[in-house]
Amino acid sequence: MKFKASRGWLEKFKLRNGIKLRKFHGDSGSVNHDEKSITDFNETMSLKIEQYGLDNVYNADETGVFYKAIPSKSVCTKSRPGIKLSKDRFSLLLCANCSGSDKRRPVMIGRFKSPRCFKNFNIGKYVTYTHSNKAWMNREIFNKWLSDFDCELAKKKRKILLVIDQCPSHQIIVTLNSIEILFLPSRTSSLLQPMDQGIIKCFKAEFTNLKINDIIEKVEAGENCQNAINGITLKTAAILTFFAWNKVTPTTIKNCFRHAQWIKCETITINSESKN
């Protein structure tokens, strides 16, 4: 007799054996798990933090932001018609130090040199805006940012360590006097980079929260939901970026650096006590 499983039997079989439908995503499958590379880097970071101090060790990384996208799920009493996913995006460079005392002004990368929505608007008050053909970070933009940062540090007579990953746009072509560059081991960003340990995620959560609140306010005032979403421009995104980045607390940043194993709990405690 040919066996034919019922739906209930199949569901219970999967439950007994821990079989679930899972989605393959993220970068973890391509991560370099070489323990020696990770251990060597952590030891190097411990020495560098002793040399520079928590305030002078920075991490920077880029992320893409789909600034008109809204959540695809919500709590409601009945099904609602969906809205086409917007693919309008910009890239963002975020940078902060270990102690969370210095969050650098975000660098927003759009597609156009002078978007019309920036007319009579002081964009520099909120973000540093630049552009590239595909709104991606490139070598020229990154080195311009590095050079400006280096000049600022030189005026303050400060020297820092900046840790970045090994993506092609991070090729250094300028001379730096106040910034020492340290590259993460190849394919270890998701393990060792604090920005990937929750800083960027926290920023995006705050950005989305502010964006949704802005849409809700417009809808409550009588505006059509689709029009409220379409009304989000790069100008709006720049303002939301400014406030969302300000909402990322120093405690969150320190915890992410600690989670990346750059610093230990006792390091934070000792530095905090010494300041007091």
C-alpha atoms as a PDB file:
ATOM      1  CA  MET A   1       0.000   0.000   0.000  1.00  0.00           C
ATOM      2  CA  LYS A   2       1.448   3.356  -1.028  1.00  0.00           C
ATOM      3  CA  PHE A   3       1.943   5.733   1.903  1.00  0.00           C
ATOM      4  CA  LYS A   4       0.306   9.142   1.570  1.00  0.00           C
ATOM      5  CA  ALA A   5       0.918  11.681   4.321  1.00  0.00           C
ATOM      6  CA  SER A   6      -1.910  13.940   5.418  1.00  0.00           C
ATOM      7  CA  ARG A   7      -1.327  17.650   6.006  1.00  0.00           C
ATOM      8  CA  GLY A   8      -1.619  17.142   9.774  1.00  0.00           C
ATOM      9  CA  TRP A   9       0.915  14.276   9.776  1.00  0.00           C
ATOM     10  CA  LEU A  10       3.374  16.366   7.774  1.00  0.00           C
ATOM     11  CA  GLU A  11       3.027  19.365  10.092  1.00  0.00           C
ATOM     12  CA  LYS A  12       3.600  17.210  13.191  1.00  0.00           C
ATOM     13  CA  PHE A  13       6.577  15.484  11.504  1.00  0.00           C
ATOM     14  CA  LYS A  14       8.208  18.850  10.825  1.00  0.00           C
ATOM     15  CA  LEU A  15       7.473  19.986  14.374  1.00  0.00           C
ATOM     16  CA  ARG A  16       9.016  16.844  15.914  1.00  0.00           C
ATOM     17  CA  ASN A  17      12.188  17.184  13.855  1.00  0.00           C
ATOM     18  CA  GLY A  18      12.592  20.934  14.015  1.00  0.00           C
ATOM     19  CA  ILE A  19      12.112  21.388  10.275  1.00  0.00           C
ATOM     20  CA  LYS A  20      11.141  24.918   9.307  1.00  0.00           C
ATOM     21  CA  LEU A  21      10.916  26.966   6.135  1.00  0.00           C
ATOM     22  CA  ARG A  22      13.894  29.294   6.376  1.00  0.00           C
ATOM     23  CA  LYS A  23      15.064  32.153   4.220  1.00  0.00           C
ATOM     24  CA  PHE A  24      18.690  32.324   3.116  1.00  0.00           C
ATOM     25  CA  HIS A  25      19.853  35.930   3.415  1.00  0.00           C
ATOM     26  CA  GLY A  26      22.593  38.171   4.705  1.00  0.00           C
ATOM     27  CA  ASP A  27      26.378  37.851   4.489  1.00  0.00           C
ATOM     28  CA  SER A  28      26.970  35.220   7.159  1.00  0.00           C
ATOM     29  CA  GLY A  29      27.392  32.435   4.606  1.00  0.00           C
ATOM     30  CA  SER A  30      30.438  34.170   3.100  1.00  0.00           C
ATOM     31  CA  VAL A  31      32.004  35.225   6.396  1.00  0.00           C
ATOM     32  CA  ASN A  32      35.626  34.349   7.048  1.00  0.00           C
ATOM     33  CA  HIS A  33      35.559  32.324  10.281  1.00  0.00           C
ATOM     34  CA  ASP A  34      39.334  31.961  10.494  1.00  0.00           C
ATOM     35  CA  GLU A  35      39.839  32.099  14.262  1.00  0.00           C
ATOM     36  CA  LYS A  36      43.480  33.188  13.955  1.00  0.00           C
ATOM     37  CA  SER A  37      42.567  36.247  11.837  1.00  0.00           C
ATOM     38  CA  ILE A  38      39.805  37.222  14.253  1.00  0.00           C
ATOM     39  CA  THR A  39      41.974  36.674  17.341  1.00  0.00           C
ATOM     40  CA  ASP A  40      44.893  38.612  15.836  1.00  0.00           C
ATOM     41  CA  PHE A  41      42.592  41.514  14.941  1.00  0.00           C
ATOM     42  CA  ASN A  42      41.049  41.610  18.442  1.00  0.00           C
ATOM     43  CA  GLU A  43      44.521  41.654  20.000  1.00  0.00           C
ATOM     44  CA  THR A  44      45.555  44.472  17.655  1.00  0.00           C
ATOM     45  CA  MET A  45      42.430  46.431  18.582  1.00  0.00           C
ATOM     46  CA  SER A  46      43.146  46.039  22.306  1.00  0.00           C
ATOM     47  CA  LEU A  47      46.620  47.510  21.795  1.00  0.00           C
ATOM     48  CA  LYS A  48      45.332  50.310  19.569  1.00  0.00           C
ATOM     49  CA  ILE A  49      42.648  51.282  22.085  1.00  0.00           C
ATOM     50  CA  GLU A  50      45.299  51.436  24.815  1.00  0.00           C
ATOM     51  CA  GLN A  51      47.367  53.642  22.516  1.00  0.00           C
ATOM     52  CA  TYR A  52      44.616  55.984  21.282  1.00  0.00           C
ATOM     53  CA  GLY A  53      41.875  55.773  23.935  1.00  0.00           C
ATOM     54  CA  LEU A  54      38.178  55.125  23.309  1.00  0.00           C
ATOM     55  CA  ASP A  55      37.521  58.678  22.092  1.00  0.00           C
ATOM     56  CA  ASN A  56      40.069  58.395  19.279  1.00  0.00           C
ATOM     57  CA  VAL A  57      39.150  55.026  17.762  1.00  0.00           C
ATOM     58  CA  TYR A  58      36.494  55.279  15.036  1.00  0.00           C
ATOM     59  CA  ASN A  59      34.571  52.953  12.748  1.00  0.00           C
ATOM     60  CA  ALA A  60      32.883  53.996   9.495  1.00  0.00           C
ATOM     61  CA  ASP A  61      30.644  52.107   7.107  1.00  0.00           C
ATOM     62  CA  GLU A  62      28.099  52.721   4.344  1.00  0.00           C
ATOM     63  CA  THR A  63      24.503  51.594   4.017  1.00  0.00           C
ATOM     64  CA  GLY A  64      21.696  52.058   1.508  1.00  0.00           C
ATOM     65  CA  VAL A  65      18.466  53.774   2.555  1.00  0.00           C
ATOM     66  CA  PHE A  66      15.190  53.318   0.640  1.00  0.00           C
ATOM     67  CA  TYR A  67      13.747  56.528   1.976  1.00  0.00           C
ATOM     68  CA  LYS A  68      10.230  56.170   0.525  1.00  0.00           C
ATOM     69  CA  ALA A  69       9.744  52.519   1.436  1.00  0.00           C
ATOM     70  CA  ILE A  70       7.140  51.711   4.078  1.00  0.00           C
ATOM     71  CA  PRO A  71       6.657  48.489   6.101  1.00  0.00           C
ATOM     72  CA  SER A  72       5.017  45.665   4.140  1.00  0.00           C
ATOM     73  CA  LYS A  73       3.108  44.404   7.206  1.00  0.00           C
ATOM     74  CA  SER A  74       0.830  46.057   9.745  1.00  0.00           C
ATOM     75  CA  VAL A  75      -1.791  45.202  12.351  1.00  0.00           C
ATOM     76  CA  CYS A  76      -5.337  45.700  11.040  1.00  0.00           C
ATOM     77  CA  THR A  77      -8.802  44.156  11.240  1.00  0.00           C
ATOM     78  CA  LYS A  78      -9.057  43.264   7.554  1.00  0.00           C
ATOM     79  CA  SER A  79      -6.848  42.976   4.504  1.00  0.00           C
ATOM     80  CA  ARG A  80      -5.915  46.186   2.742  1.00  0.00           C
ATOM     81  CA  PRO A  81      -4.662  46.884  -0.786  1.00  0.00           C
ATOM     82  CA  GLY A  82      -0.893  47.129  -0.972  1.00  0.00           C
ATOM     83  CA  ILE A  83       1.274  49.961  -2.234  1.00  0.00           C
ATOM     84  CA  LYS A  84       4.024  49.443  -4.804  1.00  0.00           C
ATOM     85  CA  LEU A  85       7.459  49.333  -3.195  1.00  0.00           C
ATOM     86  CA  SER A  86       9.437  52.472  -3.945  1.00  0.00           C
ATOM     87  CA  LYS A  87      13.063  51.937  -4.958  1.00  0.00           C
ATOM     88  CA  ASP A  88      14.170  55.547  -4.472  1.00  0.00           C
ATOM     89  CA  ARG A  89      17.354  55.348  -2.465  1.00  0.00           C
ATOM     90  CA  PHE A  90      20.512  57.068  -1.329  1.00  0.00           C
ATOM     91  CA  SER A  91      23.688  55.811   0.284  1.00  0.00           C
ATOM     92  CA  LEU A  92      24.804  56.954   3.691  1.00  0.00           C
ATOM     93  CA  LEU A  93      28.209  56.943   5.372  1.00  0.00           C
ATOM     94  CA  LEU A  94      28.014  56.754   9.163  1.00  0.00           C
ATOM     95  CA  CYS A  95      31.002  57.117  11.463  1.00  0.00           C
ATOM     96  CA  ALA A  96      31.376  57.174  15.261  1.00  0.00           C
ATOM     97  CA  ASN A  97      34.013  56.591  17.916  1.00  0.00           C
ATOM     98  CA  CYS A  98      34.132  53.831  20.543  1.00  0.00           C
ATOM     99  CA  SER A  99      32.851  55.971  23.397  1.00  0.00           C
ATOM    100  CA  GLY A 100      29.931  57.336  21.371  1.00  0.00           C
ATOM    101  CA  SER A 101      31.023  60.877  22.226  1.00  0.00           C
ATOM    102  CA  ASP A 102      31.569  61.806  18.565  1.00  0.00           C
ATOM    103  CA  LYS A 103      29.047  60.877  15.886  1.00  0.00           C
ATOM    104  CA  ARG A 104      30.315  62.347  12.638  1.00  0.00           C
ATOM    105  CA  ARG A 105      27.914  64.191  10.371  1.00  0.00           C
ATOM    106  CA  PRO A 106      26.378  61.615   7.993  1.00  0.00           C
ATOM    107  CA  VAL A 107      27.455  61.731   4.362  1.00  0.00           C
ATOM    108  CA  MET A 108      24.432  61.385   2.052  1.00  0.00           C
ATOM    109  CA  ILE A 109      25.119  60.242  -1.515  1.00  0.00           C
ATOM    110  CA  GLY A 110      22.384  60.897  -4.062  1.00  0.00           C
ATOM    111  CA  ARG A 111      22.228  60.636  -7.834  1.00  0.00           C
ATOM    112  CA  PHE A 112      21.951  64.332  -8.654  1.00  0.00           C
ATOM    113  CA  LYS A 113      24.321  67.193  -7.998  1.00  0.00           C
ATOM    114  CA  SER A 114      21.632  69.751  -7.069  1.00  0.00           C
ATOM    115  CA  PRO A 115      18.187  68.201  -6.480  1.00  0.00           C
ATOM    116  CA  ARG A 116      15.373  70.718  -6.936  1.00  0.00           C
ATOM    117  CA  CYS A 117      14.083  70.037  -3.426  1.00  0.00           C
ATOM    118  CA  PHE A 118      17.320  71.542  -2.032  1.00  0.00           C
ATOM    119  CA  LYS A 119      16.525  74.986  -3.437  1.00  0.00           C
ATOM    120  CA  ASN A 120      16.673  77.591  -0.637  1.00  0.00           C
ATOM    121  CA  PHE A 121      17.496  74.787   1.793  1.00  0.00           C
ATOM    122  CA  ASN A 122      20.670  74.630   3.887  1.00  0.00           C
ATOM    123  CA  ILE A 123      21.481  70.931   3.423  1.00  0.00           C
ATOM    124  CA  GLY A 124      24.818  71.320   5.214  1.00  0.00           C
ATOM    125  CA  LYS A 125      22.973  71.930   8.474  1.00  0.00           C
ATOM    126  CA  TYR A 126      21.780  68.323   8.471  1.00  0.00           C
ATOM    127  CA  VAL A 127      24.116  66.143   6.382  1.00  0.00           C
ATOM    128  CA  THR A 128      27.104  66.388   4.057  1.00  0.00           C
ATOM    129  CA  TYR A 129      25.571  65.874   0.627  1.00  0.00           C
ATOM    130  CA  THR A 130      27.401  64.606  -2.445  1.00  0.00           C
ATOM    131  CA  HIS A 131      26.473  62.623  -5.543  1.00  0.00           C
ATOM    132  CA  SER A 132      27.488  59.793  -7.870  1.00  0.00           C
ATOM    133  CA  ASN A 133      25.889  58.200 -10.919  1.00  0.00           C
ATOM    134  CA  LYS A 134      24.306  55.324  -9.003  1.00  0.00           C
ATOM    135  CA  ALA A 135      24.119  56.986  -5.582  1.00  0.00           C
ATOM    136  CA  TRP A 136      26.863  54.654  -4.336  1.00  0.00           C
ATOM    137  CA  MET A 137      30.039  55.365  -2.447  1.00  0.00           C
ATOM    138  CA  ASN A 138      33.116  55.591  -4.671  1.00  0.00           C
ATOM    139  CA  ARG A 139      36.820  56.127  -4.140  1.00  0.00           C
ATOM    140  CA  GLU A 140      36.739  59.863  -4.888  1.00  0.00           C
ATOM    141  CA  ILE A 141      33.910  60.613  -2.446  1.00  0.00           C
ATOM    142  CA  PHE A 142      35.461  58.521   0.308  1.00  0.00           C
ATOM    143  CA  ASN A 143      38.899  60.102  -0.041  1.00  0.00           C
ATOM    144  CA  LYS A 144      37.391  63.612  -0.097  1.00  0.00           C
ATOM    145  CA  TRP A 145      35.621  62.821   3.177  1.00  0.00           C
ATOM    146  CA  LEU A 146      38.846  61.394   4.636  1.00  0.00           C
ATOM    147  CA  SER A 147      40.868  64.418   3.583  1.00  0.00           C
ATOM    148  CA  ASP A 148      38.370  66.853   5.126  1.00  0.00           C
ATOM    149  CA  PHE A 149      38.256  64.820   8.338  1.00  0.00           C
ATOM    150  CA  ASP A 150      42.070  64.750   8.458  1.00  0.00           C
ATOM    151  CA  CYS A 151      42.303  68.549   8.068  1.00  0.00           C
ATOM    152  CA  GLU A 152      39.766  69.047  10.861  1.00  0.00           C
ATOM    153  CA  LEU A 153      41.774  66.789  13.174  1.00  0.00           C
ATOM    154  CA  ALA A 154      45.035  68.547  12.293  1.00  0.00           C
ATOM    155  CA  LYS A 155      43.564  71.894  13.374  1.00  0.00           C
ATOM    156  CA  LYS A 156      42.617  70.326  16.707  1.00  0.00           C
ATOM    157  CA  LYS A 157      46.009  68.578  16.949  1.00  0.00           C
ATOM    158  CA  ARG A 158      44.318  65.208  17.326  1.00  0.00           C
ATOM    159  CA  LYS A 159      45.312  61.834  15.931  1.00  0.00           C
ATOM    160  CA  ILE A 160      42.845  58.978  15.547  1.00  0.00           C
ATOM    161  CA  LEU A 161      42.547  55.405  14.352  1.00  0.00           C
ATOM    162  CA  LEU A 162      39.867  54.729  11.731  1.00  0.00           C
ATOM    163  CA  VAL A 163      38.833  51.121  11.120  1.00  0.00           C
ATOM    164  CA  ILE A 164      37.092  50.318   7.823  1.00  0.00           C
ATOM    165  CA  ASP A 165      36.374  47.277   5.685  1.00  0.00           C
ATOM    166  CA  GLN A 166      38.174  46.357   2.494  1.00  0.00           C
ATOM    167  CA  CYS A 167      35.564  47.333  -0.106  1.00  0.00           C
ATOM    168  CA  PRO A 168      37.007  48.786  -3.371  1.00  0.00           C
ATOM    169  CA  SER A 169      35.740  52.317  -2.653  1.00  0.00           C
ATOM    170  CA  HIS A 170      37.926  52.409   0.482  1.00  0.00           C
ATOM    171  CA  GLN A 171      41.181  52.463  -1.477  1.00  0.00           C
ATOM    172  CA  ILE A 172      43.230  55.294   0.040  1.00  0.00           C
ATOM    173  CA  ILE A 173      44.722  57.719  -2.507  1.00  0.00           C
ATOM    174  CA  VAL A 174      45.321  60.760  -0.257  1.00  0.00           C
ATOM    175  CA  THR A 175      48.047  61.484   2.272  1.00  0.00           C
ATOM    176  CA  LEU A 176      46.780  61.441   5.840  1.00  0.00           C
ATOM    177  CA  ASN A 177      48.659  63.004   8.729  1.00  0.00           C
ATOM    178  CA  SER A 178      46.163  62.711  11.581  1.00  0.00           C
ATOM    179  CA  ILE A 179      44.343  59.484  10.671  1.00  0.00           C
ATOM    180  CA  GLU A 180      45.785  55.986  10.892  1.00  0.00           C
ATOM    181  CA  ILE A 181      43.803  53.510   8.787  1.00  0.00           C
ATOM    182  CA  LEU A 182      43.280  49.930   9.922  1.00  0.00           C
ATOM    183  CA  PHE A 183      41.447  47.515   7.632  1.00  0.00           C
ATOM    184  CA  LEU A 184      39.251  44.729   8.917  1.00  0.00           C
ATOM    185  CA  PRO A 185      40.302  41.206   7.918  1.00  0.00           C
ATOM    186  CA  SER A 186      38.733  40.140   4.633  1.00  0.00           C
ATOM    187  CA  ARG A 187      35.083  39.052   4.844  1.00  0.00           C
ATOM    188  CA  THR A 188      34.682  39.650   8.585  1.00  0.00           C
ATOM    189  CA  SER A 189      32.577  42.829   8.577  1.00  0.00           C
ATOM    190  CA  SER A 190      29.439  41.142   9.906  1.00  0.00           C
ATOM    191  CA  LEU A 191      31.458  39.737  12.825  1.00  0.00           C
ATOM    192  CA  LEU A 192      33.937  42.472  13.716  1.00  0.00           C
ATOM    193  CA  GLN A 193      32.492  45.772  12.534  1.00  0.00           C
ATOM    194  CA  PRO A 194      30.521  47.715  15.200  1.00  0.00           C
ATOM    195  CA  MET A 195      28.429  49.486  12.569  1.00  0.00           C
ATOM    196  CA  ASP A 196      27.151  46.043  11.528  1.00  0.00           C
ATOM    197  CA  GLN A 197      26.564  44.982  15.133  1.00  0.00           C
ATOM    198  CA  GLY A 198      23.547  47.232  15.593  1.00  0.00           C
ATOM    199  CA  ILE A 199      24.492  50.884  15.048  1.00  0.00           C
ATOM    200  CA  ILE A 200      23.180  51.029  11.475  1.00  0.00           C
ATOM    201  CA  LYS A 201      20.170  48.886  12.410  1.00  0.00           C
ATOM    202  CA  CYS A 202      19.307  51.257  15.263  1.00  0.00           C
ATOM    203  CA  PHE A 203      19.654  54.272  12.966  1.00  0.00           C
ATOM    204  CA  LYS A 204      17.347  52.726  10.352  1.00  0.00           C
ATOM    205  CA  ALA A 205      14.744  51.855  12.999  1.00  0.00           C
ATOM    206  CA  GLU A 206      14.722  55.471  14.193  1.00  0.00           C
ATOM    207  CA  PHE A 207      14.606  56.739  10.586  1.00  0.00           C
ATOM    208  CA  THR A 208      11.610  54.514   9.772  1.00  0.00           C
ATOM    209  CA  ASN A 209       9.818  55.516  12.964  1.00  0.00           C
ATOM    210  CA  LEU A 210      10.196  59.223  12.195  1.00  0.00           C
ATOM    211  CA  LYS A 211       9.146  58.677   8.574  1.00  0.00           C
ATOM    212  CA  ILE A 212       5.991  56.720   9.474  1.00  0.00           C
ATOM    213  CA  ASN A 213       5.011  59.323  12.084  1.00  0.00           C
ATOM    214  CA  ASP A 214       5.401  62.026   9.446  1.00  0.00           C
ATOM    215  CA  ILE A 215       3.160  60.089   7.023  1.00  0.00           C
ATOM    216  CA  ILE A 216       0.536  59.467   9.734  1.00  0.00           C
ATOM    217  CA  GLU A 217       0.410  63.174  10.619  1.00  0.00           C
ATOM    218  CA  LYS A 218      -0.211  64.077   6.970  1.00  0.00           C
ATOM    219  CA  VAL A 219      -2.924  61.410   6.574  1.00  0.00           C
ATOM    220  CA  GLU A 220      -4.648  62.562   9.764  1.00  0.00           C
ATOM    221  CA  ALA A 221      -4.606  66.086   8.349  1.00  0.00           C
ATOM    222  CA  GLY A 222      -6.596  64.814   5.338  1.00  0.00           C
ATOM    223  CA  GLU A 223      -3.857  64.029   2.807  1.00  0.00           C
ATOM    224  CA  ASN A 224      -4.030  60.871   0.718  1.00  0.00           C
ATOM    225  CA  CYS A 225      -1.656  58.151   1.972  1.00  0.00           C
ATOM    226  CA  GLN A 226       0.017  57.624  -1.411  1.00  0.00           C
ATOM    227  CA  ASN A 227       0.507  61.378  -1.839  1.00  0.00           C
ATOM    228  CA  ALA A 228       2.027  61.584   1.640  1.00  0.00           C
ATOM    229  CA  ILE A 229       4.536  58.876   0.718  1.00  0.00           C
ATOM    230  CA  ASN A 230       5.313  60.427  -2.667  1.00  0.00           C
ATOM    231  CA  GLY A 231       5.856  63.746  -0.900  1.00  0.00           C
ATOM    232  CA  ILE A 232       8.948  62.379   0.865  1.00  0.00           C
ATOM    233  CA  THR A 233      11.906  63.973  -0.907  1.00  0.00           C
ATOM    234  CA  LEU A 234      15.662  63.937  -0.379  1.00  0.00           C
ATOM    235  CA  LYS A 235      15.155  67.116   1.621  1.00  0.00           C
ATOM    236  CA  THR A 236      12.785  65.278   3.965  1.00  0.00           C
ATOM    237  CA  ALA A 237      15.189  62.322   4.082  1.00  0.00           C
ATOM    238  CA  ALA A 238      18.108  64.587   5.019  1.00  0.00           C
ATOM    239  CA  ILE A 239      16.145  66.071   7.934  1.00  0.00           C
ATOM    240  CA  LEU A 240      14.989  62.613   9.077  1.00  0.00           C
ATOM    241  CA  THR A 241      18.573  61.346   8.815  1.00  0.00           C
ATOM    242  CA  PHE A 242      19.793  64.154  11.059  1.00  0.00           C
ATOM    243  CA  PHE A 243      17.241  63.489  13.788  1.00  0.00           C
ATOM    244  CA  ALA A 244      17.454  59.686  13.521  1.00  0.00           C
ATOM    245  CA  TRP A 245      21.262  59.781  13.882  1.00  0.00           C
ATOM    246  CA  ASN A 246      20.898  62.064  16.904  1.00  0.00           C
ATOM    247  CA  LYS A 247      18.586  59.486  18.496  1.00  0.00           C
ATOM    248  CA  VAL A 248      21.299  56.787  18.391  1.00  0.00           C
ATOM    249  CA  THR A 249      22.662  57.051  21.936  1.00  0.00           C
ATOM    250  CA  PRO A 250      26.292  56.809  23.080  1.00  0.00           C
ATOM    251  CA  THR A 251      25.272  53.761  25.157  1.00  0.00           C
ATOM    252  CA  THR A 252      24.014  51.971  22.048  1.00  0.00           C
ATOM    253  CA  ILE A 253      27.238  52.778  20.204  1.00  0.00           C
ATOM    254  CA  LYS A 254      29.455  51.576  23.091  1.00  0.00           C
ATOM    255  CA  ASN A 255      27.449  48.358  23.361  1.00  0.00           C
ATOM    256  CA  CYS A 256      27.915  47.682  19.645  1.00  0.00           C
ATOM    257  CA  PHE A 257      31.684  48.212  19.911  1.00  0.00           C
ATOM    258  CA  ARG A 258      31.680  45.870  22.908  1.00  0.00           C
ATOM    259  CA  HIS A 259      29.598  43.289  21.008  1.00  0.00           C
ATOM    260  CA  ALA A 260      32.190  43.414  18.216  1.00  0.00           C
ATOM    261  CA  GLN A 261      34.749  42.544  20.941  1.00  0.00           C
ATOM    262  CA  TRP A 262      36.816  45.653  20.375  1.00  0.00           C
ATOM    263  CA  ILE A 263      36.406  46.718  23.988  1.00  0.00           C
ATOM    264  CA  LYS A 264      35.570  44.913  27.212  1.00  0.00           C
ATOM    265  CA  CYS A 265      33.080  45.938  29.884  1.00  0.00           C
ATOM    266  CA  GLU A 266      35.897  46.710  32.306  1.00  0.00           C
ATOM    267  CA  THR A 267      37.472  49.058  29.716  1.00  0.00           C
ATOM    268  CA  ILE A 268      34.296  51.139  29.594  1.00  0.00           C
ATOM    269  CA  THR A 269      34.027  51.135  33.405  1.00  0.00           C
ATOM    270  CA  ILE A 270      37.635  52.193  33.942  1.00  0.00           C
ATOM    271  CA  ASN A 271      37.378  55.008  31.397  1.00  0.00           C
ATOM    272  CA  SER A 272      34.079  56.203  32.884  1.00  0.00           C
ATOM    273  CA  GLU A 273      35.536  56.204  36.431  1.00  0.00           C
ATOM    274  CA  SER A 274      38.632  58.079  35.319  1.00  0.00           C
ATOM    275  CA  LYS A 275      36.467  60.844  33.816  1.00  0.00           C
ATOM    276  CA  ASN A 276      34.529  61.176  37.048  1.00  0.00           C
END
